[in-house]
Amino acid sequence: MLPARFDNVEHLEEVMTTPSPALVETLARVDGDILVLGVGGKMGPTLARLAKRAAPSKRVIGVARFSEPGLRAALQRHGVECIAADLLSREQLAALPDVPNVVFMAGRKFGSAGSEWLTWAMNAHVPALVAQRYARSRIVAFSTACVYSFVDVHGAGAPESAPLTPPGEYANSCVARERLFEHFSHALGTPGRLIRLSYAIDMRYGVLHDLARKLLAREPIDLAMGHANIIWQGDANEQALRALAHCTAPTSGLNVSGPVQRIRDLATALAQRLGVQPAFTGSEAPTAWLVDTAEAQRLFGAPAVPLASMLDWTADWVSRDLVSLNKPTHYEARDGKY
């Protein structure tokens, strides 16, 4: 049963890390322990905890720089082993344990403009190093829907077979990430999946969080990027972990998100819940970054958390001024600049 609201961050994370029977069954079929590279990001801590709860007999090892105070200790309290390492270092990467299952979550997006060299190093060079280091493992690597070009908002969204010709330097660095994993998968026979994620949300960040904060601040909602796919973070993490049982050799893309949503409709629904009058600016473009999730639904079924719950939860959380990561999604950007 889904809660009516979240009391606090601890309650939120408890719900997000509760595994479904399907995830428990899937990880029971996947041999070996799990290594999460880049565990310190927005989704990594709950993914690692979710994996440990779903497969308590497996070692779940999280690797990051652990610059966020308290994160390492918090993960260790929940049974996740932690190793501090810089993935740009060949030596530190070589010292990590051999593990049959790797979930790659490292990468760079926010603040990409102005230090593009670091963005390319993290999004292209690190994947090459990891692909060679873990050539004998399964590698499920987080990517992004931004690897595609914009598509017609009235269509089904970009399928996995669509060309990877996106706008902007950040998005092209993400294409490079995929191409490097593909190259070494072809060369070394490494099975994997490239998780082309479109806008995961929890209460502390995401498209709905951005919209709700703007509404409460009486800021107009920009409609230029008028549509987006969104998915509950818990559902996205679950699908990524279940993808360990659906790796291909060579590796292949897999779109992960929920149904296409209209930004105007989302803002209007949130405004009603928040008791404010929405204001809009701009007009909807005929194209957007949208993905077709038919293959993920065939493998995993539809996401478990419906839009209505996400709207209710977001309005309640933001109206109480609870924790925000203060990391805007920049979903409205159409020039690929972050």
C-alpha atoms as a PDB file:
ATOM      1  CA  MET A   1       0.000   0.000   0.000  1.00  0.00           C
ATOM      2  CA  LEU A   2       1.296   3.453  -0.933  1.00  0.00           C
ATOM      3  CA  PRO A   3       1.359   6.021   1.885  1.00  0.00           C
ATOM      4  CA  ALA A   4      -0.833   9.116   1.780  1.00  0.00           C
ATOM      5  CA  ARG A   5       2.188  11.281   2.569  1.00  0.00           C
ATOM      6  CA  PHE A   6       5.784  11.080   3.778  1.00  0.00           C
ATOM      7  CA  ASP A   7       6.544  12.191   7.308  1.00  0.00           C
ATOM      8  CA  ASN A   8      10.211  12.963   6.656  1.00  0.00           C
ATOM      9  CA  VAL A   9      13.275  11.858   4.679  1.00  0.00           C
ATOM     10  CA  GLU A  10      13.616   8.650   6.692  1.00  0.00           C
ATOM     11  CA  HIS A  11      10.036   7.641   5.855  1.00  0.00           C
ATOM     12  CA  LEU A  12      10.575   8.544   2.189  1.00  0.00           C
ATOM     13  CA  GLU A  13      13.705   6.420   1.917  1.00  0.00           C
ATOM     14  CA  GLU A  14      12.124   3.526   3.794  1.00  0.00           C
ATOM     15  CA  VAL A  15       9.344   3.382   1.204  1.00  0.00           C
ATOM     16  CA  MET A  16      11.696   3.824  -1.762  1.00  0.00           C
ATOM     17  CA  THR A  17      13.958   1.004  -0.595  1.00  0.00           C
ATOM     18  CA  THR A  18      11.209  -1.551   0.020  1.00  0.00           C
ATOM     19  CA  PRO A  19      11.669  -4.188  -2.702  1.00  0.00           C
ATOM     20  CA  SER A  20       8.859  -5.743  -4.665  1.00  0.00           C
ATOM     21  CA  PRO A  21       8.486  -9.540  -4.801  1.00  0.00           C
ATOM     22  CA  ALA A  22       9.521  -9.325  -8.473  1.00  0.00           C
ATOM     23  CA  LEU A  23      12.844  -7.681  -7.568  1.00  0.00           C
ATOM     24  CA  VAL A  24      13.518 -10.219  -4.811  1.00  0.00           C
ATOM     25  CA  GLU A  25      12.878 -13.055  -7.261  1.00  0.00           C
ATOM     26  CA  THR A  26      15.019 -11.456  -9.973  1.00  0.00           C
ATOM     27  CA  LEU A  27      18.067 -10.889  -7.793  1.00  0.00           C
ATOM     28  CA  ALA A  28      17.785 -14.433  -6.455  1.00  0.00           C
ATOM     29  CA  ARG A  29      18.329 -15.602 -10.047  1.00  0.00           C
ATOM     30  CA  VAL A  30      21.293 -13.299 -10.660  1.00  0.00           C
ATOM     31  CA  ASP A  31      24.483 -14.908  -9.393  1.00  0.00           C
ATOM     32  CA  GLY A  32      26.954 -12.906  -7.369  1.00  0.00           C
ATOM     33  CA  ASP A  33      27.376  -9.700  -5.415  1.00  0.00           C
ATOM     34  CA  ILE A  34      26.620  -6.160  -6.617  1.00  0.00           C
ATOM     35  CA  LEU A  35      28.980  -3.213  -7.012  1.00  0.00           C
ATOM     36  CA  VAL A  36      27.448   0.272  -7.339  1.00  0.00           C
ATOM     37  CA  LEU A  37      29.902   2.728  -8.902  1.00  0.00           C
ATOM     38  CA  GLY A  38      28.925   6.348  -8.225  1.00  0.00           C
ATOM     39  CA  VAL A  39      26.718   5.468  -5.265  1.00  0.00           C
ATOM     40  CA  GLY A  40      26.855   9.034  -3.911  1.00  0.00           C
ATOM     41  CA  GLY A  41      24.499  10.655  -6.443  1.00  0.00           C
ATOM     42  CA  LYS A  42      20.798  11.428  -6.221  1.00  0.00           C
ATOM     43  CA  MET A  43      19.662   7.867  -6.878  1.00  0.00           C
ATOM     44  CA  GLY A  44      22.637   5.790  -5.763  1.00  0.00           C
ATOM     45  CA  PRO A  45      22.018   5.598  -2.001  1.00  0.00           C
ATOM     46  CA  THR A  46      18.459   4.323  -2.352  1.00  0.00           C
ATOM     47  CA  LEU A  47      19.415   1.933  -5.174  1.00  0.00           C
ATOM     48  CA  ALA A  48      22.126   0.376  -3.006  1.00  0.00           C
ATOM     49  CA  ARG A  49      19.797   0.057  -0.028  1.00  0.00           C
ATOM     50  CA  LEU A  50      17.068  -1.387  -2.271  1.00  0.00           C
ATOM     51  CA  ALA A  51      19.489  -4.006  -3.615  1.00  0.00           C
ATOM     52  CA  LYS A  52      20.597  -4.986  -0.103  1.00  0.00           C
ATOM     53  CA  ARG A  53      17.013  -5.328   1.144  1.00  0.00           C
ATOM     54  CA  ALA A  54      16.030  -7.369  -1.908  1.00  0.00           C
ATOM     55  CA  ALA A  55      19.082  -9.658  -1.632  1.00  0.00           C
ATOM     56  CA  PRO A  56      20.316  -9.573   1.970  1.00  0.00           C
ATOM     57  CA  SER A  57      22.661 -12.518   1.425  1.00  0.00           C
ATOM     58  CA  LYS A  58      24.596 -10.657  -1.288  1.00  0.00           C
ATOM     59  CA  ARG A  59      27.357  -8.144  -0.691  1.00  0.00           C
ATOM     60  CA  VAL A  60      26.302  -4.731  -1.964  1.00  0.00           C
ATOM     61  CA  ILE A  61      29.343  -2.479  -2.286  1.00  0.00           C
ATOM     62  CA  GLY A  62      29.026   1.246  -2.931  1.00  0.00           C
ATOM     63  CA  VAL A  63      31.907   3.242  -4.403  1.00  0.00           C
ATOM     64  CA  ALA A  64      32.130   7.047  -4.419  1.00  0.00           C
ATOM     65  CA  ARG A  65      34.299   9.874  -3.191  1.00  0.00           C
ATOM     66  CA  PHE A  66      31.857  10.235  -0.256  1.00  0.00           C
ATOM     67  CA  SER A  67      32.183  13.997  -0.078  1.00  0.00           C
ATOM     68  CA  GLU A  68      28.670  14.317   1.420  1.00  0.00           C
ATOM     69  CA  PRO A  69      28.943  14.276   5.220  1.00  0.00           C
ATOM     70  CA  GLY A  70      27.277  11.286   6.833  1.00  0.00           C
ATOM     71  CA  LEU A  71      26.458   9.378   3.633  1.00  0.00           C
ATOM     72  CA  ARG A  72      29.043   6.644   4.109  1.00  0.00           C
ATOM     73  CA  ALA A  73      27.974   5.953   7.687  1.00  0.00           C
ATOM     74  CA  ALA A  74      24.300   5.961   6.713  1.00  0.00           C
ATOM     75  CA  LEU A  75      24.842   3.389   3.960  1.00  0.00           C
ATOM     76  CA  GLN A  76      26.923   1.200   6.238  1.00  0.00           C
ATOM     77  CA  ARG A  77      24.154   1.216   8.851  1.00  0.00           C
ATOM     78  CA  HIS A  78      21.931  -0.361   6.206  1.00  0.00           C
ATOM     79  CA  GLY A  79      24.414  -3.081   5.323  1.00  0.00           C
ATOM     80  CA  VAL A  80      26.004  -1.461   2.262  1.00  0.00           C
ATOM     81  CA  GLU A  81      29.793  -1.799   2.235  1.00  0.00           C
ATOM     82  CA  CYS A  82      31.497   1.446   1.227  1.00  0.00           C
ATOM     83  CA  ILE A  83      34.790   2.098  -0.530  1.00  0.00           C
ATOM     84  CA  ALA A  84      36.065   5.631  -1.149  1.00  0.00           C
ATOM     85  CA  ALA A  85      37.680   5.888  -4.587  1.00  0.00           C
ATOM     86  CA  ASP A  86      38.208   8.257  -7.482  1.00  0.00           C
ATOM     87  CA  LEU A  87      37.024   6.481 -10.630  1.00  0.00           C
ATOM     88  CA  LEU A  88      39.301   8.662 -12.745  1.00  0.00           C
ATOM     89  CA  SER A  89      42.254   6.856 -11.126  1.00  0.00           C
ATOM     90  CA  ARG A  90      43.274   3.629 -12.872  1.00  0.00           C
ATOM     91  CA  GLU A  91      45.086   2.559  -9.722  1.00  0.00           C
ATOM     92  CA  GLN A  92      42.108   3.076  -7.419  1.00  0.00           C
ATOM     93  CA  LEU A  93      39.785   1.397  -9.903  1.00  0.00           C
ATOM     94  CA  ALA A  94      42.129  -1.607 -10.157  1.00  0.00           C
ATOM     95  CA  ALA A  95      42.097  -1.951  -6.353  1.00  0.00           C
ATOM     96  CA  LEU A  96      38.316  -2.402  -6.222  1.00  0.00           C
ATOM     97  CA  PRO A  97      37.019  -5.942  -5.683  1.00  0.00           C
ATOM     98  CA  ASP A  98      36.046  -8.253  -8.535  1.00  0.00           C
ATOM     99  CA  VAL A  99      32.252  -8.452  -8.541  1.00  0.00           C
ATOM    100  CA  PRO A 100      29.965 -10.229 -11.056  1.00  0.00           C
ATOM    101  CA  ASN A 101      27.356  -7.437 -11.181  1.00  0.00           C
ATOM    102  CA  VAL A 102      28.176  -3.770 -11.706  1.00  0.00           C
ATOM    103  CA  VAL A 103      25.691  -0.892 -11.656  1.00  0.00           C
ATOM    104  CA  PHE A 104      27.416   2.152 -13.113  1.00  0.00           C
ATOM    105  CA  MET A 105      25.888   5.426 -11.866  1.00  0.00           C
ATOM    106  CA  ALA A 106      28.831   7.818 -12.155  1.00  0.00           C
ATOM    107  CA  GLY A 107      28.577  10.819 -14.436  1.00  0.00           C
ATOM    108  CA  ARG A 108      28.325  14.561 -14.604  1.00  0.00           C
ATOM    109  CA  LYS A 109      25.462  16.845 -15.575  1.00  0.00           C
ATOM    110  CA  PHE A 110      24.884  19.819 -13.289  1.00  0.00           C
ATOM    111  CA  GLY A 111      27.450  22.517 -13.808  1.00  0.00           C
ATOM    112  CA  SER A 112      28.605  21.042 -17.111  1.00  0.00           C
ATOM    113  CA  ALA A 113      28.727  24.442 -18.810  1.00  0.00           C
ATOM    114  CA  GLY A 114      32.118  26.043 -18.228  1.00  0.00           C
ATOM    115  CA  SER A 115      34.056  22.872 -17.409  1.00  0.00           C
ATOM    116  CA  GLU A 116      33.218  20.695 -20.349  1.00  0.00           C
ATOM    117  CA  TRP A 117      36.540  18.871 -20.166  1.00  0.00           C
ATOM    118  CA  LEU A 118      35.576  17.355 -16.796  1.00  0.00           C
ATOM    119  CA  THR A 119      32.140  16.436 -18.130  1.00  0.00           C
ATOM    120  CA  TRP A 120      33.736  14.492 -20.982  1.00  0.00           C
ATOM    121  CA  ALA A 121      36.256  12.872 -18.642  1.00  0.00           C
ATOM    122  CA  MET A 122      33.508  11.636 -16.321  1.00  0.00           C
ATOM    123  CA  ASN A 123      31.020  10.702 -19.032  1.00  0.00           C
ATOM    124  CA  ALA A 124      33.407   9.119 -21.557  1.00  0.00           C
ATOM    125  CA  HIS A 125      36.841   8.379 -20.087  1.00  0.00           C
ATOM    126  CA  VAL A 126      35.564   6.804 -16.851  1.00  0.00           C
ATOM    127  CA  PRO A 127      33.202   4.420 -18.716  1.00  0.00           C
ATOM    128  CA  ALA A 128      36.152   3.241 -20.838  1.00  0.00           C
ATOM    129  CA  LEU A 129      38.184   2.534 -17.710  1.00  0.00           C
ATOM    130  CA  VAL A 130      35.287   0.736 -16.007  1.00  0.00           C
ATOM    131  CA  ALA A 131      34.410  -1.303 -19.103  1.00  0.00           C
ATOM    132  CA  GLN A 132      37.963  -2.637 -19.245  1.00  0.00           C
ATOM    133  CA  ARG A 133      38.267  -3.204 -15.495  1.00  0.00           C
ATOM    134  CA  TYR A 134      34.975  -5.137 -15.307  1.00  0.00           C
ATOM    135  CA  ALA A 135      35.058  -6.882 -18.677  1.00  0.00           C
ATOM    136  CA  ARG A 136      34.013 -10.177 -17.066  1.00  0.00           C
ATOM    137  CA  SER A 137      31.034  -8.700 -15.178  1.00  0.00           C
ATOM    138  CA  ARG A 138      27.517  -7.746 -16.147  1.00  0.00           C
ATOM    139  CA  ILE A 139      27.392  -3.936 -16.426  1.00  0.00           C
ATOM    140  CA  VAL A 140      24.114  -2.050 -16.133  1.00  0.00           C
ATOM    141  CA  ALA A 141      25.062   1.552 -16.869  1.00  0.00           C
ATOM    142  CA  PHE A 142      22.834   4.549 -16.236  1.00  0.00           C
ATOM    143  CA  SER A 143      22.497   6.778 -19.280  1.00  0.00           C
ATOM    144  CA  THR A 144      19.872   9.378 -20.189  1.00  0.00           C
ATOM    145  CA  ALA A 145      17.058  10.059 -22.621  1.00  0.00           C
ATOM    146  CA  CYS A 146      19.101  13.084 -23.692  1.00  0.00           C
ATOM    147  CA  VAL A 147      21.094  10.844 -26.050  1.00  0.00           C
ATOM    148  CA  TYR A 148      18.169  11.108 -28.483  1.00  0.00           C
ATOM    149  CA  SER A 149      17.110  14.023 -30.634  1.00  0.00           C
ATOM    150  CA  PHE A 150      13.803  15.722 -29.934  1.00  0.00           C
ATOM    151  CA  VAL A 151      10.771  13.830 -31.230  1.00  0.00           C
ATOM    152  CA  ASP A 152       7.168  14.722 -32.078  1.00  0.00           C
ATOM    153  CA  VAL A 153       5.146  15.208 -28.885  1.00  0.00           C
ATOM    154  CA  HIS A 154       2.202  13.404 -30.489  1.00  0.00           C
ATOM    155  CA  GLY A 155       4.191  10.238 -31.154  1.00  0.00           C
ATOM    156  CA  ALA A 156       5.162   7.315 -28.943  1.00  0.00           C
ATOM    157  CA  GLY A 157       8.584   8.765 -28.084  1.00  0.00           C
ATOM    158  CA  ALA A 158      12.037   7.721 -29.238  1.00  0.00           C
ATOM    159  CA  PRO A 159      12.520   3.945 -29.385  1.00  0.00           C
ATOM    160  CA  GLU A 160      15.826   2.350 -28.459  1.00  0.00           C
ATOM    161  CA  SER A 161      16.634   2.048 -32.165  1.00  0.00           C
ATOM    162  CA  ALA A 162      16.463   5.823 -32.766  1.00  0.00           C
ATOM    163  CA  PRO A 163      19.670   7.612 -33.883  1.00  0.00           C
ATOM    164  CA  LEU A 164      21.759   9.148 -31.092  1.00  0.00           C
ATOM    165  CA  THR A 165      22.143  12.681 -32.465  1.00  0.00           C
ATOM    166  CA  PRO A 166      21.199  15.042 -29.619  1.00  0.00           C
ATOM    167  CA  PRO A 167      21.723  18.798 -29.191  1.00  0.00           C
ATOM    168  CA  GLY A 168      24.304  20.166 -26.797  1.00  0.00           C
ATOM    169  CA  GLU A 169      27.718  19.166 -25.522  1.00  0.00           C
ATOM    170  CA  TYR A 170      26.473  17.489 -22.342  1.00  0.00           C
ATOM    171  CA  ALA A 171      24.135  15.190 -24.273  1.00  0.00           C
ATOM    172  CA  ASN A 172      26.879  14.289 -26.724  1.00  0.00           C
ATOM    173  CA  SER A 173      29.188  13.372 -23.852  1.00  0.00           C
ATOM    174  CA  CYS A 174      26.448  10.955 -22.783  1.00  0.00           C
ATOM    175  CA  VAL A 175      26.427   9.441 -26.263  1.00  0.00           C
ATOM    176  CA  ALA A 176      30.180   8.987 -25.841  1.00  0.00           C
ATOM    177  CA  ARG A 177      29.563   7.167 -22.544  1.00  0.00           C
ATOM    178  CA  GLU A 178      27.286   4.725 -24.320  1.00  0.00           C
ATOM    179  CA  ARG A 179      29.621   4.275 -27.285  1.00  0.00           C
ATOM    180  CA  LEU A 180      32.564   3.442 -25.024  1.00  0.00           C
ATOM    181  CA  PHE A 181      30.558   0.824 -23.137  1.00  0.00           C
ATOM    182  CA  GLU A 182      29.374  -0.521 -26.498  1.00  0.00           C
ATOM    183  CA  HIS A 183      32.896  -0.659 -27.920  1.00  0.00           C
ATOM    184  CA  PHE A 184      34.321  -2.684 -25.055  1.00  0.00           C
ATOM    185  CA  SER A 185      31.215  -4.856 -24.887  1.00  0.00           C
ATOM    186  CA  HIS A 186      31.749  -5.746 -28.560  1.00  0.00           C
ATOM    187  CA  ALA A 187      35.483  -6.195 -28.092  1.00  0.00           C
ATOM    188  CA  LEU A 188      35.436  -8.136 -24.830  1.00  0.00           C
ATOM    189  CA  GLY A 189      32.021  -9.830 -24.880  1.00  0.00           C
ATOM    190  CA  THR A 190      30.781  -8.026 -21.763  1.00  0.00           C
ATOM    191  CA  PRO A 191      26.993  -8.303 -21.269  1.00  0.00           C
ATOM    192  CA  GLY A 192      25.161  -5.166 -20.212  1.00  0.00           C
ATOM    193  CA  ARG A 193      22.345  -2.683 -20.529  1.00  0.00           C
ATOM    194  CA  LEU A 194      22.379   1.080 -21.045  1.00  0.00           C
ATOM    195  CA  ILE A 195      19.565   2.557 -18.938  1.00  0.00           C
ATOM    196  CA  ARG A 196      18.256   5.572 -20.843  1.00  0.00           C
ATOM    197  CA  LEU A 197      16.481   7.183 -17.932  1.00  0.00           C
ATOM    198  CA  SER A 198      14.065  10.056 -18.348  1.00  0.00           C
ATOM    199  CA  TYR A 199      13.395  12.200 -15.282  1.00  0.00           C
ATOM    200  CA  ALA A 200      13.222  10.116 -12.138  1.00  0.00           C
ATOM    201  CA  ILE A 201      11.699  11.984  -9.210  1.00  0.00           C
ATOM    202  CA  ASP A 202      11.489  11.767  -5.464  1.00  0.00           C
ATOM    203  CA  MET A 203      10.304  14.426  -3.070  1.00  0.00           C
ATOM    204  CA  ARG A 204      13.632  16.254  -2.939  1.00  0.00           C
ATOM    205  CA  TYR A 205      14.166  16.878  -6.663  1.00  0.00           C
ATOM    206  CA  GLY A 206      12.668  16.277 -10.085  1.00  0.00           C
ATOM    207  CA  VAL A 207      10.283  17.845 -12.582  1.00  0.00           C
ATOM    208  CA  LEU A 208       7.334  17.882 -10.173  1.00  0.00           C
ATOM    209  CA  HIS A 209       9.491  19.321  -7.391  1.00  0.00           C
ATOM    210  CA  ASP A 210      10.718  22.088  -9.718  1.00  0.00           C
ATOM    211  CA  LEU A 211       7.190  22.929 -10.815  1.00  0.00           C
ATOM    212  CA  ALA A 212       5.806  22.983  -7.277  1.00  0.00           C
ATOM    213  CA  ARG A 213       8.539  25.287  -5.990  1.00  0.00           C
ATOM    214  CA  LYS A 214       7.993  27.699  -8.875  1.00  0.00           C
ATOM    215  CA  LEU A 215       4.248  27.689  -8.256  1.00  0.00           C
ATOM    216  CA  LEU A 216       4.666  28.499  -4.572  1.00  0.00           C
ATOM    217  CA  ALA A 217       7.137  31.262  -5.469  1.00  0.00           C
ATOM    218  CA  ARG A 218       4.529  32.639  -7.915  1.00  0.00           C
ATOM    219  CA  GLU A 219       6.979  32.195 -10.804  1.00  0.00           C
ATOM    220  CA  PRO A 220       5.604  31.570 -14.297  1.00  0.00           C
ATOM    221  CA  ILE A 221       5.958  28.072 -15.723  1.00  0.00           C
ATOM    222  CA  ASP A 222       7.858  27.970 -19.012  1.00  0.00           C
ATOM    223  CA  LEU A 223       5.991  25.807 -21.514  1.00  0.00           C
ATOM    224  CA  ALA A 224       8.644  25.759 -24.273  1.00  0.00           C
ATOM    225  CA  MET A 225       9.542  22.163 -23.374  1.00  0.00           C
ATOM    226  CA  GLY A 226       5.913  21.252 -23.043  1.00  0.00           C
ATOM    227  CA  HIS A 227       6.108  17.495 -22.441  1.00  0.00           C
ATOM    228  CA  ALA A 228       8.232  15.045 -20.454  1.00  0.00           C
ATOM    229  CA  ASN A 229       8.328  11.457 -19.248  1.00  0.00           C
ATOM    230  CA  ILE A 230       8.613  11.043 -15.478  1.00  0.00           C
ATOM    231  CA  ILE A 231       8.992   8.016 -13.203  1.00  0.00           C
ATOM    232  CA  TRP A 232       9.133   7.502  -9.460  1.00  0.00           C
ATOM    233  CA  GLN A 233      12.741   7.021  -8.350  1.00  0.00           C
ATOM    234  CA  GLY A 234      11.929   3.766  -6.583  1.00  0.00           C
ATOM    235  CA  ASP A 235      10.478   2.341  -9.799  1.00  0.00           C
ATOM    236  CA  ALA A 236      13.475   3.505 -11.837  1.00  0.00           C
ATOM    237  CA  ASN A 237      15.933   1.919  -9.390  1.00  0.00           C
ATOM    238  CA  GLU A 238      13.967  -1.311  -9.359  1.00  0.00           C
ATOM    239  CA  GLN A 239      13.953  -1.544 -13.151  1.00  0.00           C
ATOM    240  CA  ALA A 240      17.695  -0.871 -13.301  1.00  0.00           C
ATOM    241  CA  LEU A 241      18.414  -3.662 -10.815  1.00  0.00           C
ATOM    242  CA  ARG A 242      16.067  -6.068 -12.582  1.00  0.00           C
ATOM    243  CA  ALA A 243      17.938  -5.272 -15.813  1.00  0.00           C
ATOM    244  CA  LEU A 244      20.847  -7.302 -14.412  1.00  0.00           C
ATOM    245  CA  ALA A 245      18.814 -10.356 -15.437  1.00  0.00           C
ATOM    246  CA  HIS A 246      18.220  -8.966 -18.922  1.00  0.00           C
ATOM    247  CA  CYS A 247      21.719  -8.028 -20.061  1.00  0.00           C
ATOM    248  CA  THR A 248      22.676  -8.499 -23.692  1.00  0.00           C
ATOM    249  CA  ALA A 249      26.036  -9.088 -25.355  1.00  0.00           C
ATOM    250  CA  PRO A 250      26.824  -6.702 -26.880  1.00  0.00           C
ATOM    251  CA  THR A 251      25.192  -4.241 -24.511  1.00  0.00           C
ATOM    252  CA  SER A 252      22.033  -2.431 -25.638  1.00  0.00           C
ATOM    253  CA  GLY A 253      19.884   0.548 -24.726  1.00  0.00           C
ATOM    254  CA  LEU A 254      16.753   0.331 -22.585  1.00  0.00           C
ATOM    255  CA  ASN A 255      14.402   3.274 -22.097  1.00  0.00           C
ATOM    256  CA  VAL A 256      13.239   3.619 -18.483  1.00  0.00           C
ATOM    257  CA  SER A 257      10.525   6.101 -17.517  1.00  0.00           C
ATOM    258  CA  GLY A 258       6.788   6.550 -17.190  1.00  0.00           C
ATOM    259  CA  PRO A 259       4.150   7.810 -19.612  1.00  0.00           C
ATOM    260  CA  VAL A 260       4.527  11.128 -21.422  1.00  0.00           C
ATOM    261  CA  GLN A 261       3.078  14.016 -19.407  1.00  0.00           C
ATOM    262  CA  ARG A 262       2.118  17.533 -20.477  1.00  0.00           C
ATOM    263  CA  ILE A 263       3.889  20.186 -18.397  1.00  0.00           C
ATOM    264  CA  ARG A 264       0.820  22.464 -18.419  1.00  0.00           C
ATOM    265  CA  ASP A 265      -1.314  19.641 -17.032  1.00  0.00           C
ATOM    266  CA  LEU A 266       1.226  18.780 -14.336  1.00  0.00           C
ATOM    267  CA  ALA A 267       1.508  22.414 -13.231  1.00  0.00           C
ATOM    268  CA  THR A 268      -2.267  22.844 -13.190  1.00  0.00           C
ATOM    269  CA  ALA A 269      -2.737  19.695 -11.093  1.00  0.00           C
ATOM    270  CA  LEU A 270      -0.055  20.781  -8.628  1.00  0.00           C
ATOM    271  CA  ALA A 271      -1.483  24.309  -8.425  1.00  0.00           C
ATOM    272  CA  GLN A 272      -4.884  22.907  -7.482  1.00  0.00           C
ATOM    273  CA  ARG A 273      -3.316  20.878  -4.688  1.00  0.00           C
ATOM    274  CA  LEU A 274      -1.249  23.849  -3.511  1.00  0.00           C
ATOM    275  CA  GLY A 275      -4.147  26.297  -3.651  1.00  0.00           C
ATOM    276  CA  VAL A 276      -2.415  28.732  -6.015  1.00  0.00           C
ATOM    277  CA  GLN A 277      -3.167  30.128  -9.449  1.00  0.00           C
ATOM    278  CA  PRO A 278      -0.628  29.014 -12.059  1.00  0.00           C
ATOM    279  CA  ALA A 279       0.937  31.438 -14.527  1.00  0.00           C
ATOM    280  CA  PHE A 280       2.480  30.317 -17.788  1.00  0.00           C
ATOM    281  CA  THR A 281       4.933  31.740 -20.276  1.00  0.00           C
ATOM    282  CA  GLY A 282       5.985  30.638 -23.730  1.00  0.00           C
ATOM    283  CA  SER A 283       4.241  28.156 -25.970  1.00  0.00           C
ATOM    284  CA  GLU A 284       4.603  24.414 -26.364  1.00  0.00           C
ATOM    285  CA  ALA A 285       7.106  23.306 -28.967  1.00  0.00           C
ATOM    286  CA  PRO A 286       5.999  20.491 -31.279  1.00  0.00           C
ATOM    287  CA  THR A 287       8.981  18.385 -30.155  1.00  0.00           C
ATOM    288  CA  ALA A 288      10.530  17.295 -26.859  1.00  0.00           C
ATOM    289  CA  TRP A 289      12.915  14.754 -25.318  1.00  0.00           C
ATOM    290  CA  LEU A 290      10.518  11.813 -25.046  1.00  0.00           C
ATOM    291  CA  VAL A 291      11.055   8.058 -24.935  1.00  0.00           C
ATOM    292  CA  ASP A 292       9.055   4.978 -25.849  1.00  0.00           C
ATOM    293  CA  THR A 293       9.123   2.624 -22.845  1.00  0.00           C
ATOM    294  CA  ALA A 294       7.352  -0.332 -24.483  1.00  0.00           C
ATOM    295  CA  GLU A 295      10.365  -2.631 -24.103  1.00  0.00           C
ATOM    296  CA  ALA A 296      10.812  -1.867 -20.399  1.00  0.00           C
ATOM    297  CA  GLN A 297       7.102  -2.453 -19.827  1.00  0.00           C
ATOM    298  CA  ARG A 298       7.383  -5.798 -21.633  1.00  0.00           C
ATOM    299  CA  LEU A 299      10.218  -6.809 -19.310  1.00  0.00           C
ATOM    300  CA  PHE A 300       9.063  -5.295 -16.028  1.00  0.00           C
ATOM    301  CA  GLY A 301       5.451  -4.188 -16.370  1.00  0.00           C
ATOM    302  CA  ALA A 302       4.244  -0.631 -15.834  1.00  0.00           C
ATOM    303  CA  PRO A 303       5.791   1.492 -13.040  1.00  0.00           C
ATOM    304  CA  ALA A 304       4.070   0.804  -9.731  1.00  0.00           C
ATOM    305  CA  VAL A 305       3.603   4.410  -8.524  1.00  0.00           C
ATOM    306  CA  PRO A 306       0.891   6.335 -10.417  1.00  0.00           C
ATOM    307  CA  LEU A 307       1.032  10.000 -11.364  1.00  0.00           C
ATOM    308  CA  ALA A 308      -1.740  10.953  -8.913  1.00  0.00           C
ATOM    309  CA  SER A 309       0.339   9.733  -5.957  1.00  0.00           C
ATOM    310  CA  MET A 310       3.417  11.599  -7.160  1.00  0.00           C
ATOM    311  CA  LEU A 311       1.392  14.795  -7.484  1.00  0.00           C
ATOM    312  CA  ASP A 312      -0.163  14.389  -4.018  1.00  0.00           C
ATOM    313  CA  TRP A 313       3.174  13.616  -2.403  1.00  0.00           C
ATOM    314  CA  THR A 314       5.013  16.472  -4.100  1.00  0.00           C
ATOM    315  CA  ALA A 315       2.425  19.103  -3.229  1.00  0.00           C
ATOM    316  CA  ASP A 316       2.376  17.979   0.402  1.00  0.00           C
ATOM    317  CA  TRP A 317       6.184  17.835   0.701  1.00  0.00           C
ATOM    318  CA  VAL A 318       6.890  21.202  -0.894  1.00  0.00           C
ATOM    319  CA  SER A 319       4.037  22.958   0.928  1.00  0.00           C
ATOM    320  CA  ARG A 320       5.633  21.859   4.220  1.00  0.00           C
ATOM    321  CA  ASP A 321       9.011  23.172   2.999  1.00  0.00           C
ATOM    322  CA  LEU A 322      10.741  19.859   3.617  1.00  0.00           C
ATOM    323  CA  VAL A 323      14.192  18.933   2.336  1.00  0.00           C
ATOM    324  CA  SER A 324      15.229  19.921  -1.195  1.00  0.00           C
ATOM    325  CA  LEU A 325      18.455  18.932  -2.911  1.00  0.00           C
ATOM    326  CA  ASN A 326      18.389  22.293  -4.717  1.00  0.00           C
ATOM    327  CA  LYS A 327      19.353  20.592  -7.983  1.00  0.00           C
ATOM    328  CA  PRO A 328      16.953  21.784 -10.689  1.00  0.00           C
ATOM    329  CA  THR A 329      16.398  19.312 -13.514  1.00  0.00           C
ATOM    330  CA  HIS A 330      16.528  22.052 -16.185  1.00  0.00           C
ATOM    331  CA  TYR A 331      13.820  20.066 -17.952  1.00  0.00           C
ATOM    332  CA  GLU A 332      12.839  23.263 -19.796  1.00  0.00           C
ATOM    333  CA  ALA A 333      16.220  23.628 -21.520  1.00  0.00           C
ATOM    334  CA  ARG A 334      16.049  23.050 -25.273  1.00  0.00           C
ATOM    335  CA  ASP A 335      19.637  23.986 -26.119  1.00  0.00           C
ATOM    336  CA  GLY A 336      21.275  21.126 -24.207  1.00  0.00           C
ATOM    337  CA  LYS A 337      23.064  23.532 -21.831  1.00  0.00           C
ATOM    338  CA  TYR A 338      23.097  22.666 -18.131  1.00  0.00           C
END
